[in-house]
Structure formats: structure tokens, C-alpha cells
Amino acid sequence: MAWILLVVAGIFEIIWASAMKRSEGFTKLGPSAITLGAMIISFGLLAAAMRQLPLGTAYMIWTGIGAIGAFIYGVVALNEPANAMRIGAAALIVTGIAVMKFATPAS
């Protein structure tokens, strides 16, 4: 269950990061409210997952999901560049997430 909470927390991290971009420095009310709401949910789910998962594992995977999700959102929705170096860097993050998952004892 902790892993499910962690993945959902990561998804909400993607939501708040993309909403923050759309808030234009918190000058737009709707995206600003989504940012704050998604942050609260994301942090709450992360805290719940940390009850069973080690700090380093939970935090690394949570930030990794957010980083990869924000990268994909930026490329797909915001037409940000997807050159070989950026894709390679994202692949390294995904590799790190997978290794951390397999290196963490089942909870």
C-alpha cells in the first residue's frame, strides 16, 4: 500500500508542478489554487508512505516521479525541447528510480 501511496503522491507532484507553471508566478487564481491543493495532497500522501518506507527511498522516488512527469509534460504540452541529452538525463533518473525500488526491502 505504501508504494501505491507514493506513486499517487508523485502524480500529484506532477500536477502541482505543471499548475505552478500555468499560474505565471501565482498571478492566476485557478492554477495557483490547483498548485496549493495538489501540494497538500502530494505531501500528505508522501508522509503516509514514509510510515512504511525508508526516507531516502520514498523521497527519491517521489521527486523522481515528479521530475520525469514534469519533463514529459513540458515536452508534450509546452513544446519544450526533447534533445538526446535531455532524454538521456531523464533515462538516468528512471534508472535510478528502478534501482532504488529493487534495492529497498519489501514493506
N, C-alpha and C. Protein backbone atom coordinates (compact mmCIF):
# COMPACT_ATOMS: atom_id res chain seq x y z
N MET A 1 0.82 -1.21 0.00
CA MET A 1 0.00 0.00 0.00
C MET A 1 0.86 1.26 0.00
N ALA A 2 2.00 1.21 0.70
CA ALA A 2 2.87 2.38 0.77
C ALA A 2 3.37 2.77 -0.62
N TRP A 3 3.65 1.78 -1.46
CA TRP A 3 4.14 2.07 -2.81
C TRP A 3 3.05 2.75 -3.64
N ILE A 4 1.82 2.32 -3.47
CA ILE A 4 0.71 2.94 -4.20
C ILE A 4 0.56 4.39 -3.76
N LEU A 5 0.61 4.62 -2.46
CA LEU A 5 0.52 5.99 -1.95
C LEU A 5 1.64 6.85 -2.51
N LEU A 6 2.83 6.27 -2.60
CA LEU A 6 3.98 7.01 -3.10
C LEU A 6 3.81 7.37 -4.57
N VAL A 7 3.33 6.45 -5.36
CA VAL A 7 3.12 6.73 -6.79
C VAL A 7 2.05 7.81 -6.97
N VAL A 8 0.97 7.73 -6.21
CA VAL A 8 -0.08 8.74 -6.31
C VAL A 8 0.45 10.10 -5.84
N ALA A 9 1.27 10.09 -4.79
CA ALA A 9 1.90 11.34 -4.33
C ALA A 9 2.75 11.93 -5.43
N GLY A 10 3.47 11.09 -6.16
CA GLY A 10 4.28 11.56 -7.29
C GLY A 10 3.44 12.14 -8.40
N ILE A 11 2.30 11.53 -8.66
CA ILE A 11 1.39 12.06 -9.68
C ILE A 11 0.89 13.44 -9.28
N PHE A 12 0.57 13.60 -8.00
CA PHE A 12 0.13 14.93 -7.55
C PHE A 12 1.28 15.93 -7.58
N GLU A 13 2.52 15.46 -7.47
CA GLU A 13 3.65 16.37 -7.62
C GLU A 13 3.72 16.89 -9.06
N ILE A 14 3.47 16.02 -10.01
CA ILE A 14 3.43 16.44 -11.42
C ILE A 14 2.33 17.47 -11.62
N ILE A 15 1.17 17.22 -11.01
CA ILE A 15 0.04 18.14 -11.14
C ILE A 15 0.40 19.51 -10.59
N TRP A 16 0.98 19.54 -9.37
CA TRP A 16 1.27 20.86 -8.81
C TRP A 16 2.38 21.57 -9.56
N ALA A 17 3.35 20.84 -10.07
CA ALA A 17 4.42 21.50 -10.82
C ALA A 17 3.89 22.09 -12.12
N SER A 18 3.04 21.34 -12.82
CA SER A 18 2.51 21.86 -14.08
C SER A 18 1.53 23.01 -13.82
N ALA A 19 0.76 22.93 -12.76
CA ALA A 19 -0.15 24.02 -12.42
C ALA A 19 0.63 25.26 -12.00
N MET A 20 1.75 25.06 -11.32
CA MET A 20 2.57 26.21 -10.92
C MET A 20 3.09 26.94 -12.15
N LYS A 21 3.49 26.19 -13.16
CA LYS A 21 3.94 26.81 -14.41
C LYS A 21 2.82 27.65 -15.02
N ARG A 22 1.60 27.08 -15.02
CA ARG A 22 0.45 27.79 -15.60
C ARG A 22 0.00 28.97 -14.73
N SER A 23 0.40 28.99 -13.45
CA SER A 23 -0.04 30.08 -12.56
C SER A 23 0.68 31.40 -12.86
N GLU A 24 1.74 31.33 -13.68
CA GLU A 24 2.52 32.51 -14.03
C GLU A 24 2.95 33.29 -12.78
N GLY A 25 3.68 32.59 -11.92
CA GLY A 25 4.19 33.24 -10.70
C GLY A 25 3.09 33.51 -9.69
N PHE A 26 2.10 32.65 -9.63
CA PHE A 26 0.95 32.78 -8.73
C PHE A 26 0.13 34.03 -9.00
N THR A 27 0.09 34.45 -10.26
CA THR A 27 -0.73 35.61 -10.62
C THR A 27 -2.09 35.19 -11.17
N LYS A 28 -2.28 33.89 -11.45
CA LYS A 28 -3.56 33.38 -11.92
C LYS A 28 -4.17 32.53 -10.82
N LEU A 29 -5.39 32.87 -10.41
CA LEU A 29 -6.02 32.24 -9.26
C LEU A 29 -6.25 30.74 -9.43
N GLY A 30 -6.85 30.33 -10.54
CA GLY A 30 -7.19 28.92 -10.73
C GLY A 30 -5.97 28.00 -10.64
N PRO A 31 -4.96 28.23 -11.48
CA PRO A 31 -3.78 27.39 -11.40
C PRO A 31 -3.06 27.49 -10.05
N SER A 32 -3.11 28.65 -9.43
CA SER A 32 -2.49 28.81 -8.11
C SER A 32 -3.20 27.94 -7.06
N ALA A 33 -4.53 27.91 -7.13
CA ALA A 33 -5.30 27.08 -6.19
C ALA A 33 -5.04 25.60 -6.44
N ILE A 34 -4.95 25.20 -7.72
CA ILE A 34 -4.65 23.81 -8.03
C ILE A 34 -3.26 23.45 -7.51
N THR A 35 -2.30 24.35 -7.68
CA THR A 35 -0.95 24.13 -7.18
C THR A 35 -0.96 23.84 -5.68
N LEU A 36 -1.61 24.72 -4.93
CA LEU A 36 -1.61 24.55 -3.47
C LEU A 36 -2.36 23.30 -3.03
N GLY A 37 -3.50 23.04 -3.66
CA GLY A 37 -4.26 21.84 -3.31
C GLY A 37 -3.50 20.56 -3.62
N ALA A 38 -2.90 20.51 -4.81
CA ALA A 38 -2.14 19.32 -5.19
C ALA A 38 -0.91 19.15 -4.32
N MET A 39 -0.29 20.26 -3.88
CA MET A 39 0.86 20.17 -2.98
C MET A 39 0.46 19.53 -1.65
N ILE A 40 -0.66 19.97 -1.12
CA ILE A 40 -1.13 19.43 0.17
C ILE A 40 -1.39 17.93 0.05
N ILE A 41 -2.06 17.54 -1.03
CA ILE A 41 -2.35 16.11 -1.23
C ILE A 41 -1.05 15.34 -1.42
N SER A 42 -0.16 15.87 -2.24
CA SER A 42 1.10 15.18 -2.53
C SER A 42 1.93 14.99 -1.25
N PHE A 43 2.08 16.04 -0.48
CA PHE A 43 2.84 15.94 0.77
C PHE A 43 2.17 15.00 1.76
N GLY A 44 0.86 15.05 1.84
CA GLY A 44 0.14 14.15 2.75
C GLY A 44 0.33 12.69 2.38
N LEU A 45 0.24 12.38 1.09
CA LEU A 45 0.44 11.00 0.64
C LEU A 45 1.90 10.57 0.83
N LEU A 46 2.83 11.47 0.58
CA LEU A 46 4.24 11.16 0.82
C LEU A 46 4.47 10.85 2.30
N ALA A 47 3.90 11.65 3.16
CA ALA A 47 4.04 11.41 4.60
C ALA A 47 3.47 10.05 5.00
N ALA A 48 2.33 9.70 4.43
CA ALA A 48 1.72 8.40 4.73
C ALA A 48 2.61 7.26 4.23
N ALA A 49 3.18 7.41 3.04
CA ALA A 49 4.07 6.37 2.51
C ALA A 49 5.32 6.22 3.36
N MET A 50 5.80 7.32 3.90
CA MET A 50 7.01 7.29 4.72
C MET A 50 6.82 6.56 6.05
N ARG A 51 5.59 6.28 6.40
CA ARG A 51 5.36 5.47 7.62
C ARG A 51 5.95 4.07 7.46
N GLN A 52 5.98 3.58 6.21
CA GLN A 52 6.45 2.22 5.96
C GLN A 52 7.73 2.16 5.14
N LEU A 53 8.02 3.20 4.38
CA LEU A 53 9.20 3.19 3.51
C LEU A 53 10.33 4.02 4.10
N PRO A 54 11.56 3.65 3.81
CA PRO A 54 12.68 4.47 4.27
C PRO A 54 12.62 5.87 3.66
N LEU A 55 13.09 6.85 4.39
CA LEU A 55 13.09 8.24 3.96
C LEU A 55 13.75 8.41 2.60
N GLY A 56 14.97 7.91 2.46
CA GLY A 56 15.71 8.09 1.21
C GLY A 56 14.99 7.50 0.01
N THR A 57 14.43 6.32 0.19
CA THR A 57 13.70 5.66 -0.89
C THR A 57 12.46 6.46 -1.25
N ALA A 58 11.66 6.79 -0.26
CA ALA A 58 10.40 7.50 -0.53
C ALA A 58 10.66 8.85 -1.19
N TYR A 59 11.60 9.60 -0.64
CA TYR A 59 11.84 10.94 -1.18
C TYR A 59 12.42 10.88 -2.57
N MET A 60 13.36 9.98 -2.80
CA MET A 60 13.98 9.88 -4.12
C MET A 60 12.97 9.47 -5.18
N ILE A 61 12.14 8.50 -4.88
CA ILE A 61 11.16 8.05 -5.86
C ILE A 61 10.10 9.12 -6.09
N TRP A 62 9.67 9.77 -5.04
CA TRP A 62 8.66 10.85 -5.17
C TRP A 62 9.18 11.97 -6.05
N THR A 63 10.40 12.43 -5.78
CA THR A 63 10.95 13.51 -6.61
C THR A 63 11.24 13.03 -8.03
N GLY A 64 11.64 11.77 -8.16
CA GLY A 64 11.90 11.22 -9.49
C GLY A 64 10.65 11.15 -10.34
N ILE A 65 9.56 10.69 -9.74
CA ILE A 65 8.28 10.65 -10.47
C ILE A 65 7.89 12.06 -10.89
N GLY A 66 8.04 13.00 -9.97
CA GLY A 66 7.71 14.39 -10.29
C GLY A 66 8.60 14.96 -11.39
N ALA A 67 9.89 14.66 -11.32
CA ALA A 67 10.83 15.18 -12.32
C ALA A 67 10.54 14.60 -13.70
N ILE A 68 10.35 13.31 -13.78
CA ILE A 68 10.08 12.67 -15.07
C ILE A 68 8.72 13.12 -15.61
N GLY A 69 7.72 13.17 -14.74
CA GLY A 69 6.40 13.61 -15.17
C GLY A 69 6.40 15.05 -15.66
N ALA A 70 7.11 15.92 -14.93
CA ALA A 70 7.19 17.32 -15.35
C ALA A 70 7.95 17.45 -16.66
N PHE A 71 8.99 16.64 -16.83
CA PHE A 71 9.74 16.65 -18.08
C PHE A 71 8.83 16.25 -19.24
N ILE A 72 8.10 15.16 -19.08
CA ILE A 72 7.20 14.70 -20.14
C ILE A 72 6.12 15.74 -20.42
N TYR A 73 5.54 16.30 -19.37
CA TYR A 73 4.52 17.35 -19.54
C TYR A 73 5.11 18.53 -20.32
N GLY A 74 6.30 18.94 -19.96
CA GLY A 74 6.93 20.06 -20.65
C GLY A 74 7.15 19.79 -22.12
N VAL A 75 7.61 18.59 -22.43
CA VAL A 75 7.86 18.23 -23.83
C VAL A 75 6.55 18.14 -24.61
N VAL A 76 5.57 17.45 -24.03
CA VAL A 76 4.32 17.19 -24.75
C VAL A 76 3.41 18.42 -24.80
N ALA A 77 3.20 19.06 -23.66
CA ALA A 77 2.21 20.13 -23.59
C ALA A 77 2.79 21.53 -23.82
N LEU A 78 4.07 21.70 -23.51
CA LEU A 78 4.66 23.05 -23.60
C LEU A 78 5.68 23.16 -24.73
N ASN A 79 5.81 22.09 -25.50
CA ASN A 79 6.75 22.08 -26.63
C ASN A 79 8.19 22.40 -26.22
N GLU A 80 8.58 21.95 -25.03
CA GLU A 80 9.97 22.10 -24.61
C GLU A 80 10.84 21.12 -25.38
N PRO A 81 12.13 21.41 -25.54
CA PRO A 81 12.98 20.54 -26.35
C PRO A 81 13.15 19.14 -25.75
N ALA A 82 13.24 18.17 -26.64
CA ALA A 82 13.47 16.78 -26.24
C ALA A 82 14.69 16.27 -26.97
N ASN A 83 15.83 16.92 -26.74
CA ASN A 83 17.05 16.51 -27.42
C ASN A 83 17.66 15.29 -26.72
N ALA A 84 18.68 14.74 -27.32
CA ALA A 84 19.28 13.50 -26.82
C ALA A 84 19.80 13.64 -25.39
N MET A 85 20.41 14.74 -25.06
CA MET A 85 20.95 14.91 -23.70
C MET A 85 19.84 14.98 -22.66
N ARG A 86 18.76 15.67 -22.96
CA ARG A 86 17.65 15.77 -22.01
C ARG A 86 16.98 14.41 -21.83
N ILE A 87 16.79 13.69 -22.93
CA ILE A 87 16.19 12.36 -22.84
C ILE A 87 17.12 11.42 -22.08
N GLY A 88 18.41 11.51 -22.33
CA GLY A 88 19.39 10.69 -21.61
C GLY A 88 19.37 10.97 -20.12
N ALA A 89 19.28 12.24 -19.75
CA ALA A 89 19.21 12.60 -18.33
C ALA A 89 17.95 12.03 -17.70
N ALA A 90 16.83 12.11 -18.41
CA ALA A 90 15.57 11.55 -17.89
C ALA A 90 15.70 10.04 -17.74
N ALA A 91 16.36 9.39 -18.69
CA ALA A 91 16.56 7.94 -18.61
C ALA A 91 17.39 7.57 -17.39
N LEU A 92 18.36 8.38 -17.05
CA LEU A 92 19.16 8.12 -15.85
C LEU A 92 18.31 8.22 -14.59
N ILE A 93 17.40 9.18 -14.56
CA ILE A 93 16.50 9.32 -13.41
C ILE A 93 15.62 8.09 -13.30
N VAL A 94 15.04 7.64 -14.41
CA VAL A 94 14.20 6.45 -14.39
C VAL A 94 15.00 5.24 -13.92
N THR A 95 16.23 5.11 -14.39
CA THR A 95 17.08 4.01 -13.95
C THR A 95 17.32 4.08 -12.45
N GLY A 96 17.59 5.26 -11.95
CA GLY A 96 17.80 5.43 -10.51
C GLY A 96 16.57 5.06 -9.70
N ILE A 97 15.40 5.43 -10.19
CA ILE A 97 14.15 5.08 -9.51
C ILE A 97 14.00 3.56 -9.47
N ALA A 98 14.23 2.90 -10.58
CA ALA A 98 14.09 1.44 -10.64
C ALA A 98 15.08 0.75 -9.70
N VAL A 99 16.32 1.19 -9.72
CA VAL A 99 17.33 0.58 -8.85
C VAL A 99 16.96 0.78 -7.39
N MET A 100 16.52 1.98 -7.03
CA MET A 100 16.13 2.24 -5.64
C MET A 100 14.96 1.36 -5.23
N LYS A 101 14.00 1.19 -6.11
CA LYS A 101 12.83 0.34 -5.81
C LYS A 101 13.28 -1.09 -5.53
N PHE A 102 14.14 -1.63 -6.39
CA PHE A 102 14.59 -3.02 -6.22
C PHE A 102 15.55 -3.18 -5.05
N ALA A 103 16.23 -2.10 -4.66
CA ALA A 103 17.17 -2.17 -3.55
C ALA A 103 16.50 -2.00 -2.19
N THR A 104 15.22 -1.65 -2.19
CA THR A 104 14.50 -1.41 -0.94
C THR A 104 13.74 -2.67 -0.54
N PRO A 105 13.95 -3.14 0.69
CA PRO A 105 13.21 -4.33 1.15
C PRO A 105 11.71 -4.10 1.09
N ALA A 106 10.98 -5.16 0.81
CA ALA A 106 9.51 -5.08 0.78
C ALA A 106 8.99 -4.66 2.15
N SER A 107 7.97 -3.84 2.11
CA SER A 107 7.38 -3.39 3.39
C SER A 107 5.95 -3.89 3.53
